[in-house]
């Protein structure tokens, strides 16, 4: 997929395996900042995400399993895709251990691969707006319910470790009404591709 890279795209790091996700959601979250997420070769650098633990009132799994969230109760390293407000798809990565029902919500990417496809799907040109929100990035990467409950280390998904040093910042999560004071939003310091700036 190298032909889809932007000219200044960083080289891809080593592929990440499902075993990475079998840890605390708060250990996985900072490790994913700076990693590259690709779906059928289209994607970019993860610059923002949020952690959701099964004991967290804001987590979909807080009240137990349902047909929608069942994948969260399965093994780690799988995708959990849901529709937000009946409009936008959002993608999460299941973490911890089977039955834990914890996950990270991918909130924003820096586009690096397949930008032409992203622009076509989103109907806009500005790179900073292509993936600056969970619904936007799913539309840009072509993620729908069809990509739910799939392993994250085999196609169509690919995850690659970051290749350089970064600084991860944290803050409260966005757009929720419960556990609003939890500092469980993680981001890449200085990124212009965030869905919303972090407070200074």
Protein backbone atom coordinates (compact mmCIF):
# COMPACT_ATOMS: atom_id res chain seq x y z
CA UNK A 1 0.00 0.00 0.00
CA UNK A 2 3.03 2.27 -0.09
CA UNK A 3 1.78 4.02 -3.23
CA UNK A 4 -1.06 5.46 -1.15
CA UNK A 5 1.26 7.27 1.26
CA UNK A 6 1.47 11.02 1.38
CA UNK A 7 4.97 12.28 0.45
CA UNK A 8 5.75 13.21 4.08
CA UNK A 9 4.15 10.16 5.68
CA UNK A 10 6.39 8.52 8.30
CA UNK A 11 7.56 4.99 7.69
CA UNK A 12 5.41 2.29 9.21
CA UNK A 13 6.55 0.64 12.40
CA UNK A 14 6.30 -3.03 13.24
CA UNK A 15 2.84 -4.61 13.01
CA UNK A 16 0.93 -4.68 16.29
CA UNK A 17 -0.59 -7.98 17.37
CA UNK A 18 -3.74 -8.78 19.31
CA UNK A 19 -1.67 -9.59 22.40
CA UNK A 20 -1.06 -5.84 22.83
CA UNK A 21 -4.70 -5.40 23.80
CA UNK A 22 -4.72 -7.97 26.61
CA UNK A 23 -3.77 -5.34 29.18
CA UNK A 24 -5.42 -2.55 31.13
CA UNK A 25 -7.24 -0.13 28.87
CA UNK A 26 -5.08 2.61 30.42
CA UNK A 27 -1.90 0.80 29.40
CA UNK A 28 -3.14 0.21 25.85
CA UNK A 29 -4.44 3.76 25.28
CA UNK A 30 -1.14 5.70 25.47
CA UNK A 31 0.64 2.99 23.47
CA UNK A 32 -1.79 3.52 20.58
CA UNK A 33 -1.16 7.26 20.34
CA UNK A 34 1.24 7.67 17.42
CA UNK A 35 0.47 4.21 16.03
CA UNK A 36 -0.87 3.92 12.48
CA UNK A 37 -4.32 2.48 11.81
CA UNK A 38 -5.12 1.28 8.28
CA UNK A 39 -8.33 -0.23 6.92
CA UNK A 40 -7.79 -1.75 3.49
CA UNK A 41 -4.68 0.42 3.22
CA UNK A 42 -6.45 3.68 4.07
CA UNK A 43 -5.80 5.50 7.33
CA UNK A 44 -3.27 7.38 9.37
CA UNK A 45 -1.67 8.10 12.71
CA UNK A 46 -3.85 7.81 15.80
CA UNK A 47 -3.69 11.21 17.51
CA UNK A 48 -6.65 10.95 19.89
CA UNK A 49 -8.68 8.28 21.66
CA UNK A 50 -10.71 7.69 24.79
CA UNK A 51 -10.63 4.84 27.29
CA UNK A 52 -13.79 3.12 28.59
CA UNK A 53 -13.60 0.60 31.45
CA UNK A 54 -16.44 -1.79 32.30
CA UNK A 55 -16.78 -0.13 35.73
CA UNK A 56 -17.21 3.25 34.03
CA UNK A 57 -20.84 4.52 33.90
CA UNK A 58 -20.12 6.01 30.45
CA UNK A 59 -19.07 2.65 28.98
CA UNK A 60 -21.53 0.79 26.75
CA UNK A 61 -20.77 -2.35 28.76
CA UNK A 62 -21.59 -0.84 32.18
CA UNK A 63 -25.07 -2.40 32.37
CA UNK A 64 -24.05 -5.76 30.97
CA UNK A 65 -24.08 -7.47 27.59
CA UNK A 66 -26.56 -6.62 24.85
CA UNK A 67 -26.75 -7.66 21.19
CA UNK A 68 -25.01 -4.38 20.30
CA UNK A 69 -22.08 -4.54 22.73
CA UNK A 70 -21.54 -8.32 22.90
CA UNK A 71 -18.13 -8.10 21.21
CA UNK A 72 -16.87 -6.03 24.16
CA UNK A 73 -17.34 -9.10 26.37
CA UNK A 74 -15.25 -11.25 24.05
CA UNK A 75 -11.47 -11.55 23.72
CA UNK A 76 -9.28 -8.45 23.38
CA UNK A 77 -7.88 -7.27 20.05
CA UNK A 78 -11.17 -7.10 18.18
CA UNK A 79 -13.13 -4.18 16.75
CA UNK A 80 -16.37 -2.91 18.21
CA UNK A 81 -18.30 -0.67 15.82
CA UNK A 82 -21.53 1.06 16.79
CA UNK A 83 -23.72 3.82 15.40
CA UNK A 84 -23.79 7.06 17.38
CA UNK A 85 -27.06 8.99 17.54
CA UNK A 86 -28.31 6.86 14.66
CA UNK A 87 -26.01 8.74 12.27
CA UNK A 88 -22.27 8.09 12.59
CA UNK A 89 -20.29 4.87 12.93
CA UNK A 90 -17.64 4.80 15.66
CA UNK A 91 -14.83 2.25 16.03
CA UNK A 92 -13.45 0.90 19.31
CA UNK A 93 -10.74 -1.63 20.13
CA UNK A 94 -11.59 -4.20 22.80
CA UNK A 95 -8.99 -4.40 25.60
CA UNK A 96 -8.05 -6.27 28.78
CA UNK A 97 -9.32 -9.88 29.00
CA UNK A 98 -12.34 -11.81 27.82
CA UNK A 99 -15.33 -10.74 29.87
CA UNK A 100 -13.75 -7.47 30.94
CA UNK A 101 -15.73 -5.45 28.37
CA UNK A 102 -13.32 -2.52 28.21
CA UNK A 103 -12.33 -0.66 25.06
CA UNK A 104 -10.74 2.42 23.54
CA UNK A 105 -12.71 4.68 21.19
CA UNK A 106 -10.60 5.97 18.30
CA UNK A 107 -11.40 9.70 18.07
CA UNK A 108 -9.01 11.20 15.50
CA UNK A 109 -6.31 10.36 12.98
CA UNK A 110 -3.68 12.27 11.06
CA UNK A 111 -4.31 11.11 7.47
CA UNK A 112 -1.24 9.54 5.86
CA UNK A 113 -2.44 6.75 3.54
CA UNK A 114 -5.18 6.75 0.89
CA UNK A 115 -6.02 10.44 1.26
CA UNK A 116 -7.66 10.55 -2.18
CA UNK A 117 -10.08 7.83 -1.06
CA UNK A 118 -10.77 9.70 2.19
CA UNK A 119 -11.54 12.90 0.31
CA UNK A 120 -13.89 11.08 -2.00
CA UNK A 121 -15.75 9.40 0.85
CA UNK A 122 -15.97 12.57 2.94
CA UNK A 123 -16.65 14.95 0.05
CA UNK A 124 -14.08 17.50 1.19
CA UNK A 125 -10.45 18.40 0.64
CA UNK A 126 -9.06 19.76 3.91
CA UNK A 127 -6.83 17.08 5.46
CA UNK A 128 -7.38 18.39 8.98
CA UNK A 129 -11.12 17.78 8.66
CA UNK A 130 -10.98 14.29 7.15
CA UNK A 131 -10.54 12.31 10.39
CA UNK A 132 -10.99 14.87 13.18
CA UNK A 133 -13.73 12.98 15.03
CA UNK A 134 -14.86 9.38 15.52
CA UNK A 135 -17.66 9.55 12.96
CA UNK A 136 -15.52 11.42 10.44
CA UNK A 137 -12.68 8.92 10.58
CA UNK A 138 -15.03 5.97 10.16
CA UNK A 139 -16.53 7.57 7.07
CA UNK A 140 -13.05 8.38 5.72
CA UNK A 141 -11.78 4.82 6.30
CA UNK A 142 -14.98 3.14 5.09
CA UNK A 143 -15.74 1.61 8.51
CA UNK A 144 -19.31 0.40 9.08
CA UNK A 145 -20.98 -2.33 11.11
CA UNK A 146 -19.47 -4.77 8.61
CA UNK A 147 -16.09 -4.18 10.23
CA UNK A 148 -17.34 -4.94 13.76
CA UNK A 149 -16.13 -7.99 15.69
CA UNK A 150 -13.09 -8.42 13.42
CA UNK A 151 -9.53 -9.12 14.61
CA UNK A 152 -7.33 -6.04 14.53
CA UNK A 153 -4.17 -7.75 13.28
CA UNK A 154 -5.48 -9.21 10.02
CA UNK A 155 -7.02 -7.52 6.95
CA UNK A 156 -8.95 -5.35 6.50
CA UNK A 157 -7.37 -3.92 9.67
CA UNK A 158 -3.68 -3.22 10.13
CA UNK A 159 -2.01 -1.51 13.07
CA UNK A 160 1.62 -0.41 13.12
CA UNK A 161 3.63 0.77 16.11
CA UNK A 162 4.82 4.36 16.26
CA UNK A 163 8.41 4.88 15.15
CA UNK A 164 9.52 7.98 17.05
CA UNK A 165 9.29 9.66 20.43
CA UNK A 166 6.06 11.48 21.22
CA UNK A 167 4.39 13.17 24.17
CA UNK A 168 0.97 11.89 25.20
CA UNK A 169 -1.41 14.30 26.92
CA UNK A 170 -4.62 13.53 28.80
CA UNK A 171 -7.87 15.28 29.59
CA UNK A 172 -11.56 14.68 30.24
CA UNK A 173 -13.63 12.87 27.64
CA UNK A 174 -15.93 14.60 25.16
CA UNK A 175 -19.65 14.35 24.45
CA UNK A 176 -20.69 12.21 27.40
CA UNK A 177 -23.01 12.89 30.33
CA UNK A 178 -21.67 10.36 32.86
CA UNK A 179 -18.23 10.20 34.51
CA UNK A 180 -17.46 13.52 32.85
CA UNK A 181 -14.54 14.25 35.16
CA UNK A 182 -12.52 11.14 34.31
CA UNK A 183 -9.25 12.19 32.58
CA UNK A 184 -9.46 9.27 30.16
CA UNK A 185 -8.99 11.10 26.87
CA UNK A 186 -5.52 10.63 25.39
CA UNK A 187 -3.93 12.70 22.65
CA UNK A 188 -0.76 13.50 20.74
CA UNK A 189 0.65 16.76 22.05
CA UNK A 190 0.87 19.47 19.40
CA UNK A 191 -1.22 17.62 16.80
CA UNK A 192 -3.36 19.80 14.54
CA UNK A 193 -5.58 16.82 13.70
CA UNK A 194 -7.36 16.47 17.05
CA UNK A 195 -11.16 16.52 17.17
CA UNK A 196 -10.92 19.25 19.81
CA UNK A 197 -7.92 20.91 21.48
CA UNK A 198 -6.89 19.80 24.94
CA UNK A 199 -7.03 22.46 27.66
CA UNK A 200 -3.69 24.10 28.40
